[in-house]
Amino acid sequence: MPPVNPNPQSSQDAGKNEVPLGTYQAKRDFDQTPEPQGATTGAASAGQRFVVQRHRASRLHYDFRLEVDGVLVSWAVPKGPSMDPTVKRLAVHVEDHPLDYFDFEGVIPARNYGAGDVIVWDWGTWRPGHGEVPADAIRAGELHVDLHGEKLTGRFVLVRSSRHRQKPGSDQWLMFRKRDAGAIQGWDPEQFPRSVKSGRTNEDVKNAASLSSGT
């Protein structure tokens, strides 16, 4: 398990918001959701961790997050990342999340943004695959990452879909595993439903929250 740094830092997309993590915070009511609020200032972190959270919201998806310049740069991957190099997944680039979201596991209450149960499906460390400067590569629309996780390993590629490049509010990418000796054809993330943090499934997390609230 990679070390957890609980202190979120400045956002790599601060130029897009009046304050770092402004989009993330504006979407959430922290009096209701157990999600971390995150700080808005601080020195950038040198860490390079990644996490994937399996999130049963209105639709099941996997949230793929890379630690870049003091935030978790995030993509929502509806069908989840795959170790199968023949599979290309849609990945929607969403708002940056604070670093203390790294190990978030729990239930976002109904009528809140992203309502549903969340588990830490995978985590580990990563490195730029081609020696890129990550923030520059993300802005350019193509990032190669070498993942060292408990489930995901090897080189993955994230590429912005050119037809969506100019659409406001639509930042769609493709995510796929490079073809090499470590790739696994037929690999399905749904075959591995348990959290690497707690060993629980999404249903376990949901049931535990229901018991604690008395519902």
C-alpha atoms as a PDB file:
ATOM      1  CA  MET A   1       0.000   0.000   0.000  1.00  0.00           C
ATOM      2  CA  PRO A   2       1.413   3.423  -0.905  1.00  0.00           C
ATOM      3  CA  PRO A   3       1.704   5.988   1.892  1.00  0.00           C
ATOM      4  CA  VAL A   4      -1.255   8.303   2.285  1.00  0.00           C
ATOM      5  CA  ASN A   5      -0.543  12.017   2.418  1.00  0.00           C
ATOM      6  CA  PRO A   6      -3.672  13.561   3.987  1.00  0.00           C
ATOM      7  CA  ASN A   7      -2.831  17.135   3.062  1.00  0.00           C
ATOM      8  CA  PRO A   8      -4.262  18.269  -0.280  1.00  0.00           C
ATOM      9  CA  GLN A   9      -2.297  20.908  -2.109  1.00  0.00           C
ATOM     10  CA  SER A  10      -2.678  23.486  -4.860  1.00  0.00           C
ATOM     11  CA  SER A  11      -4.571  22.542  -8.010  1.00  0.00           C
ATOM     12  CA  GLN A  12      -2.917  21.963 -11.350  1.00  0.00           C
ATOM     13  CA  ASP A  13      -5.903  23.647 -12.978  1.00  0.00           C
ATOM     14  CA  ALA A  14      -6.041  26.640 -10.647  1.00  0.00           C
ATOM     15  CA  GLY A  15      -6.137  28.908 -13.665  1.00  0.00           C
ATOM     16  CA  LYS A  16      -9.564  27.517 -14.496  1.00  0.00           C
ATOM     17  CA  ASN A  17     -11.005  28.302 -11.051  1.00  0.00           C
ATOM     18  CA  GLU A  18     -10.919  31.322  -8.768  1.00  0.00           C
ATOM     19  CA  VAL A  19      -9.568  29.050  -6.022  1.00  0.00           C
ATOM     20  CA  PRO A  20      -7.856  25.665  -6.249  1.00  0.00           C
ATOM     21  CA  LEU A  21     -10.348  22.786  -6.093  1.00  0.00           C
ATOM     22  CA  GLY A  22     -13.132  25.335  -6.564  1.00  0.00           C
ATOM     23  CA  THR A  23     -15.125  23.131  -8.944  1.00  0.00           C
ATOM     24  CA  TYR A  24     -14.851  20.133  -6.619  1.00  0.00           C
ATOM     25  CA  GLN A  25     -15.983  22.115  -3.595  1.00  0.00           C
ATOM     26  CA  ALA A  26     -18.788  23.961  -5.355  1.00  0.00           C
ATOM     27  CA  LYS A  27     -20.469  20.681  -6.307  1.00  0.00           C
ATOM     28  CA  ARG A  28     -20.618  19.340  -2.726  1.00  0.00           C
ATOM     29  CA  ASP A  29     -22.361  20.135   0.555  1.00  0.00           C
ATOM     30  CA  PHE A  30     -19.831  19.091   3.180  1.00  0.00           C
ATOM     31  CA  ASP A  31     -22.436  19.298   5.937  1.00  0.00           C
ATOM     32  CA  GLN A  32     -24.024  16.259   4.308  1.00  0.00           C
ATOM     33  CA  THR A  33     -21.384  14.303   2.430  1.00  0.00           C
ATOM     34  CA  PRO A  34     -18.545  12.441   4.199  1.00  0.00           C
ATOM     35  CA  GLU A  35     -16.188  13.284   1.339  1.00  0.00           C
ATOM     36  CA  PRO A  36     -13.100  15.303   2.345  1.00  0.00           C
ATOM     37  CA  GLN A  37     -13.381  19.029   1.726  1.00  0.00           C
ATOM     38  CA  GLY A  38      -9.694  19.508   0.991  1.00  0.00           C
ATOM     39  CA  ALA A  39      -7.519  22.559   1.527  1.00  0.00           C
ATOM     40  CA  THR A  40      -7.226  25.178  -1.178  1.00  0.00           C
ATOM     41  CA  THR A  41      -3.652  26.313  -0.630  1.00  0.00           C
ATOM     42  CA  GLY A  42      -0.281  24.769   0.072  1.00  0.00           C
ATOM     43  CA  ALA A  43       2.986  23.704  -1.491  1.00  0.00           C
ATOM     44  CA  ALA A  44       2.852  21.157  -4.301  1.00  0.00           C
ATOM     45  CA  SER A  45       3.517  17.518  -3.427  1.00  0.00           C
ATOM     46  CA  ALA A  46       6.187  15.452  -5.155  1.00  0.00           C
ATOM     47  CA  GLY A  47       4.214  12.214  -4.674  1.00  0.00           C
ATOM     48  CA  GLN A  48       3.067  10.142  -7.628  1.00  0.00           C
ATOM     49  CA  ARG A  49       0.328   7.853  -6.378  1.00  0.00           C
ATOM     50  CA  PHE A  50      -2.744   6.652  -8.198  1.00  0.00           C
ATOM     51  CA  VAL A  51      -6.081   5.334  -6.985  1.00  0.00           C
ATOM     52  CA  VAL A  52      -9.120   3.808  -8.668  1.00  0.00           C
ATOM     53  CA  GLN A  53     -12.434   4.004  -6.850  1.00  0.00           C
ATOM     54  CA  ARG A  54     -15.411   1.828  -7.832  1.00  0.00           C
ATOM     55  CA  HIS A  55     -18.382   4.153  -7.533  1.00  0.00           C
ATOM     56  CA  ARG A  56     -21.994   3.012  -7.732  1.00  0.00           C
ATOM     57  CA  ALA A  57     -23.708   6.331  -8.357  1.00  0.00           C
ATOM     58  CA  SER A  58     -26.682   6.749 -10.721  1.00  0.00           C
ATOM     59  CA  ARG A  59     -24.544   4.551 -12.960  1.00  0.00           C
ATOM     60  CA  LEU A  60     -21.632   2.328 -12.014  1.00  0.00           C
ATOM     61  CA  HIS A  61     -18.248   3.731 -12.995  1.00  0.00           C
ATOM     62  CA  TYR A  62     -14.629   3.664 -11.904  1.00  0.00           C
ATOM     63  CA  ASP A  63     -12.850   6.893 -10.922  1.00  0.00           C
ATOM     64  CA  PHE A  64      -9.209   6.838 -12.060  1.00  0.00           C
ATOM     65  CA  ARG A  65      -7.092   9.425 -10.241  1.00  0.00           C
ATOM     66  CA  LEU A  66      -3.438  10.394 -10.643  1.00  0.00           C
ATOM     67  CA  GLU A  67      -1.520  12.511  -8.160  1.00  0.00           C
ATOM     68  CA  VAL A  68      -0.235  15.454 -10.192  1.00  0.00           C
ATOM     69  CA  ASP A  69       1.046  18.758  -8.781  1.00  0.00           C
ATOM     70  CA  GLY A  70      -0.694  18.398  -5.437  1.00  0.00           C
ATOM     71  CA  VAL A  71      -4.153  17.229  -6.535  1.00  0.00           C
ATOM     72  CA  LEU A  72      -5.771  14.055  -7.847  1.00  0.00           C
ATOM     73  CA  VAL A  73      -6.381  14.613 -11.547  1.00  0.00           C
ATOM     74  CA  SER A  74      -9.432  12.485 -12.273  1.00  0.00           C
ATOM     75  CA  TRP A  75     -11.223  10.604 -15.031  1.00  0.00           C
ATOM     76  CA  ALA A  76     -14.546   8.756 -14.753  1.00  0.00           C
ATOM     77  CA  VAL A  77     -14.253   5.443 -16.617  1.00  0.00           C
ATOM     78  CA  PRO A  78     -17.759   3.957 -17.054  1.00  0.00           C
ATOM     79  CA  LYS A  79     -16.692   0.356 -17.677  1.00  0.00           C
ATOM     80  CA  GLY A  80     -13.462   0.497 -15.710  1.00  0.00           C
ATOM     81  CA  PRO A  81      -9.843   0.175 -16.823  1.00  0.00           C
ATOM     82  CA  SER A  82      -8.755  -3.162 -18.285  1.00  0.00           C
ATOM     83  CA  MET A  83      -5.490  -5.054 -18.538  1.00  0.00           C
ATOM     84  CA  ASP A  84      -6.694  -6.288 -21.952  1.00  0.00           C
ATOM     85  CA  PRO A  85      -4.833  -4.323 -24.662  1.00  0.00           C
ATOM     86  CA  THR A  86      -7.659  -4.879 -27.172  1.00  0.00           C
ATOM     87  CA  VAL A  87     -10.108  -2.946 -24.967  1.00  0.00           C
ATOM     88  CA  LYS A  88     -10.383   0.841 -25.233  1.00  0.00           C
ATOM     89  CA  ARG A  89     -12.419   2.531 -22.529  1.00  0.00           C
ATOM     90  CA  LEU A  90     -14.163   5.896 -22.533  1.00  0.00           C
ATOM     91  CA  ALA A  91     -12.661   8.101 -19.793  1.00  0.00           C
ATOM     92  CA  VAL A  92     -14.275  11.460 -19.026  1.00  0.00           C
ATOM     93  CA  HIS A  93     -11.890  14.034 -17.551  1.00  0.00           C
ATOM     94  CA  VAL A  94     -13.637  15.516 -14.502  1.00  0.00           C
ATOM     95  CA  GLU A  95     -12.720  18.017 -11.798  1.00  0.00           C
ATOM     96  CA  ASP A  96      -9.547  17.679  -9.730  1.00  0.00           C
ATOM     97  CA  HIS A  97     -10.020  16.070  -6.303  1.00  0.00           C
ATOM     98  CA  PRO A  98      -8.052  16.785  -3.103  1.00  0.00           C
ATOM     99  CA  LEU A  99      -5.244  14.448  -2.091  1.00  0.00           C
ATOM    100  CA  ASP A 100      -7.146  13.272   0.972  1.00  0.00           C
ATOM    101  CA  TYR A 101      -9.721  11.723  -1.379  1.00  0.00           C
ATOM    102  CA  PHE A 102      -7.058   9.088  -2.070  1.00  0.00           C
ATOM    103  CA  ASP A 103      -8.364   6.581   0.486  1.00  0.00           C
ATOM    104  CA  PHE A 104     -12.012   7.721   0.622  1.00  0.00           C
ATOM    105  CA  GLU A 105     -14.396   4.798   1.024  1.00  0.00           C
ATOM    106  CA  GLY A 106     -17.990   5.241   2.093  1.00  0.00           C
ATOM    107  CA  VAL A 107     -21.476   6.302   1.045  1.00  0.00           C
ATOM    108  CA  ILE A 108     -22.365   9.681  -0.446  1.00  0.00           C
ATOM    109  CA  PRO A 109     -25.954  10.333   0.729  1.00  0.00           C
ATOM    110  CA  ALA A 110     -28.954  10.549  -1.573  1.00  0.00           C
ATOM    111  CA  ARG A 111     -29.679  13.937  -3.137  1.00  0.00           C
ATOM    112  CA  ASN A 112     -25.982  14.823  -3.054  1.00  0.00           C
ATOM    113  CA  TYR A 113     -23.680  15.094  -6.059  1.00  0.00           C
ATOM    114  CA  GLY A 114     -22.408  11.607  -6.927  1.00  0.00           C
ATOM    115  CA  ALA A 115     -24.746   9.906  -4.435  1.00  0.00           C
ATOM    116  CA  GLY A 116     -23.826   6.251  -4.022  1.00  0.00           C
ATOM    117  CA  ASP A 117     -21.290   3.895  -2.481  1.00  0.00           C
ATOM    118  CA  VAL A 118     -17.540   4.063  -3.096  1.00  0.00           C
ATOM    119  CA  ILE A 119     -14.706   1.592  -2.492  1.00  0.00           C
ATOM    120  CA  VAL A 120     -10.964   1.894  -3.037  1.00  0.00           C
ATOM    121  CA  TRP A 121     -10.758  -0.637  -5.861  1.00  0.00           C
ATOM    122  CA  ASP A 122      -7.019  -0.256  -6.547  1.00  0.00           C
ATOM    123  CA  TRP A 123      -4.099   1.911  -5.525  1.00  0.00           C
ATOM    124  CA  GLY A 124      -0.377   2.189  -6.018  1.00  0.00           C
ATOM    125  CA  THR A 125       2.243   4.435  -7.580  1.00  0.00           C
ATOM    126  CA  TRP A 126       2.796   5.630 -11.127  1.00  0.00           C
ATOM    127  CA  ARG A 127       5.384   7.264 -13.347  1.00  0.00           C
ATOM    128  CA  PRO A 128       5.099   9.101 -16.674  1.00  0.00           C
ATOM    129  CA  GLY A 129       5.633   6.473 -19.352  1.00  0.00           C
ATOM    130  CA  HIS A 130       7.578   8.657 -21.769  1.00  0.00           C
ATOM    131  CA  GLY A 131       9.187  10.987 -19.253  1.00  0.00           C
ATOM    132  CA  GLU A 132       6.559  13.647 -19.926  1.00  0.00           C
ATOM    133  CA  VAL A 133       5.776  16.516 -17.615  1.00  0.00           C
ATOM    134  CA  PRO A 134       2.340  15.204 -16.533  1.00  0.00           C
ATOM    135  CA  ALA A 135       0.456  18.516 -16.401  1.00  0.00           C
ATOM    136  CA  ASP A 136       1.793  19.484 -19.845  1.00  0.00           C
ATOM    137  CA  ALA A 137       0.912  16.075 -21.296  1.00  0.00           C
ATOM    138  CA  ILE A 138      -2.632  16.294 -19.916  1.00  0.00           C
ATOM    139  CA  ARG A 139      -3.109  19.733 -21.429  1.00  0.00           C
ATOM    140  CA  ALA A 140      -1.774  18.407 -24.746  1.00  0.00           C
ATOM    141  CA  GLY A 141      -4.235  15.503 -24.614  1.00  0.00           C
ATOM    142  CA  GLU A 142      -1.992  12.435 -24.391  1.00  0.00           C
ATOM    143  CA  LEU A 143      -0.424  10.876 -21.306  1.00  0.00           C
ATOM    144  CA  HIS A 144       1.458   7.580 -20.935  1.00  0.00           C
ATOM    145  CA  VAL A 145       1.530   6.160 -17.401  1.00  0.00           C
ATOM    146  CA  ASP A 146       3.334   3.192 -15.883  1.00  0.00           C
ATOM    147  CA  LEU A 147       1.132   1.851 -13.081  1.00  0.00           C
ATOM    148  CA  HIS A 148       2.355  -0.194 -10.132  1.00  0.00           C
ATOM    149  CA  GLY A 149      -0.864  -1.177  -8.388  1.00  0.00           C
ATOM    150  CA  GLU A 150      -2.343  -4.232  -6.735  1.00  0.00           C
ATOM    151  CA  LYS A 151      -4.621  -4.900  -9.725  1.00  0.00           C
ATOM    152  CA  LEU A 152      -3.430  -2.608 -12.504  1.00  0.00           C
ATOM    153  CA  THR A 153       0.179  -2.863 -13.653  1.00  0.00           C
ATOM    154  CA  GLY A 154       2.150  -1.813 -16.702  1.00  0.00           C
ATOM    155  CA  ARG A 155       1.757   0.965 -19.211  1.00  0.00           C
ATOM    156  CA  PHE A 156      -1.570   2.627 -19.885  1.00  0.00           C
ATOM    157  CA  VAL A 157      -2.339   5.440 -22.307  1.00  0.00           C
ATOM    158  CA  LEU A 158      -4.860   8.254 -21.923  1.00  0.00           C
ATOM    159  CA  VAL A 159      -5.702  10.093 -25.149  1.00  0.00           C
ATOM    160  CA  ARG A 160      -8.210  12.882 -25.603  1.00  0.00           C
ATOM    161  CA  SER A 161     -10.795  12.103 -28.292  1.00  0.00           C
ATOM    162  CA  SER A 162     -10.163  14.686 -31.014  1.00  0.00           C
ATOM    163  CA  ARG A 163     -13.822  15.071 -31.948  1.00  0.00           C
ATOM    164  CA  HIS A 164     -14.613  16.319 -28.432  1.00  0.00           C
ATOM    165  CA  ARG A 165     -11.646  18.648 -28.131  1.00  0.00           C
ATOM    166  CA  GLN A 166     -13.609  21.803 -28.886  1.00  0.00           C
ATOM    167  CA  LYS A 167     -16.860  20.971 -27.108  1.00  0.00           C
ATOM    168  CA  PRO A 168     -17.382  23.073 -23.973  1.00  0.00           C
ATOM    169  CA  GLY A 169     -18.001  20.882 -20.935  1.00  0.00           C
ATOM    170  CA  SER A 170     -17.153  17.689 -22.796  1.00  0.00           C
ATOM    171  CA  ASP A 171     -13.645  16.388 -22.222  1.00  0.00           C
ATOM    172  CA  GLN A 172     -13.738  12.784 -23.367  1.00  0.00           C
ATOM    173  CA  TRP A 173     -10.664  10.583 -23.554  1.00  0.00           C
ATOM    174  CA  LEU A 174      -9.813   6.968 -24.309  1.00  0.00           C
ATOM    175  CA  MET A 175      -7.911   4.778 -21.842  1.00  0.00           C
ATOM    176  CA  PHE A 176      -6.191   1.548 -22.824  1.00  0.00           C
ATOM    177  CA  ARG A 177      -3.432  -0.853 -21.809  1.00  0.00           C
ATOM    178  CA  LYS A 178      -0.362  -1.122 -24.020  1.00  0.00           C
ATOM    179  CA  ARG A 179       0.309  -4.491 -25.604  1.00  0.00           C
ATOM    180  CA  ASP A 180       3.260  -6.212 -23.899  1.00  0.00           C
ATOM    181  CA  ALA A 181       4.095  -9.378 -21.966  1.00  0.00           C
ATOM    182  CA  GLY A 182       2.170  -8.177 -18.894  1.00  0.00           C
ATOM    183  CA  ALA A 183      -1.111  -7.500 -20.713  1.00  0.00           C
ATOM    184  CA  ILE A 184      -3.965  -9.985 -20.152  1.00  0.00           C
ATOM    185  CA  GLN A 185      -6.608 -10.609 -22.808  1.00  0.00           C
ATOM    186  CA  GLY A 186     -10.124 -11.017 -21.476  1.00  0.00           C
ATOM    187  CA  TRP A 187      -9.296  -9.227 -18.213  1.00  0.00           C
ATOM    188  CA  ASP A 188     -12.468  -7.733 -16.696  1.00  0.00           C
ATOM    189  CA  PRO A 189     -12.389  -5.356 -13.705  1.00  0.00           C
ATOM    190  CA  GLU A 190     -15.742  -6.715 -12.538  1.00  0.00           C
ATOM    191  CA  GLN A 191     -14.019 -10.018 -11.749  1.00  0.00           C
ATOM    192  CA  PHE A 192     -12.205  -8.230  -8.919  1.00  0.00           C
ATOM    193  CA  PRO A 193     -14.946  -6.562  -6.851  1.00  0.00           C
ATOM    194  CA  ARG A 194     -13.205  -6.089  -3.488  1.00  0.00           C
ATOM    195  CA  SER A 195     -11.534  -3.035  -1.998  1.00  0.00           C
ATOM    196  CA  VAL A 196      -7.749  -3.099  -1.669  1.00  0.00           C
ATOM    197  CA  LYS A 197      -8.140  -0.939   1.443  1.00  0.00           C
ATOM    198  CA  SER A 198     -10.714  -2.922   3.421  1.00  0.00           C
ATOM    199  CA  GLY A 199     -11.494  -6.110   1.503  1.00  0.00           C
ATOM    200  CA  ARG A 200     -15.133  -5.018   1.301  1.00  0.00           C
ATOM    201  CA  THR A 201     -17.420  -4.891  -1.721  1.00  0.00           C
ATOM    202  CA  ASN A 202     -19.579  -1.887  -2.605  1.00  0.00           C
ATOM    203  CA  GLU A 203     -22.568  -3.762  -1.192  1.00  0.00           C
ATOM    204  CA  ASP A 204     -20.704  -4.313   2.094  1.00  0.00           C
ATOM    205  CA  VAL A 205     -19.990  -0.573   2.344  1.00  0.00           C
ATOM    206  CA  LYS A 206     -23.612   0.286   1.582  1.00  0.00           C
ATOM    207  CA  ASN A 207     -24.947  -2.182   4.149  1.00  0.00           C
ATOM    208  CA  ALA A 208     -22.533  -0.986   6.840  1.00  0.00           C
ATOM    209  CA  ALA A 209     -23.676   2.609   6.314  1.00  0.00           C
ATOM    210  CA  SER A 210     -27.322   1.541   6.535  1.00  0.00           C
ATOM    211  CA  LEU A 211     -26.680  -0.282   9.819  1.00  0.00           C
ATOM    212  CA  SER A 212     -24.841   2.650  11.370  1.00  0.00           C
ATOM    213  CA  SER A 213     -27.636   5.047  10.423  1.00  0.00           C
ATOM    214  CA  GLY A 214     -30.323   2.677  11.673  1.00  0.00           C
ATOM    215  CA  THR A 215     -32.086   2.433   8.319  1.00  0.00           C
END
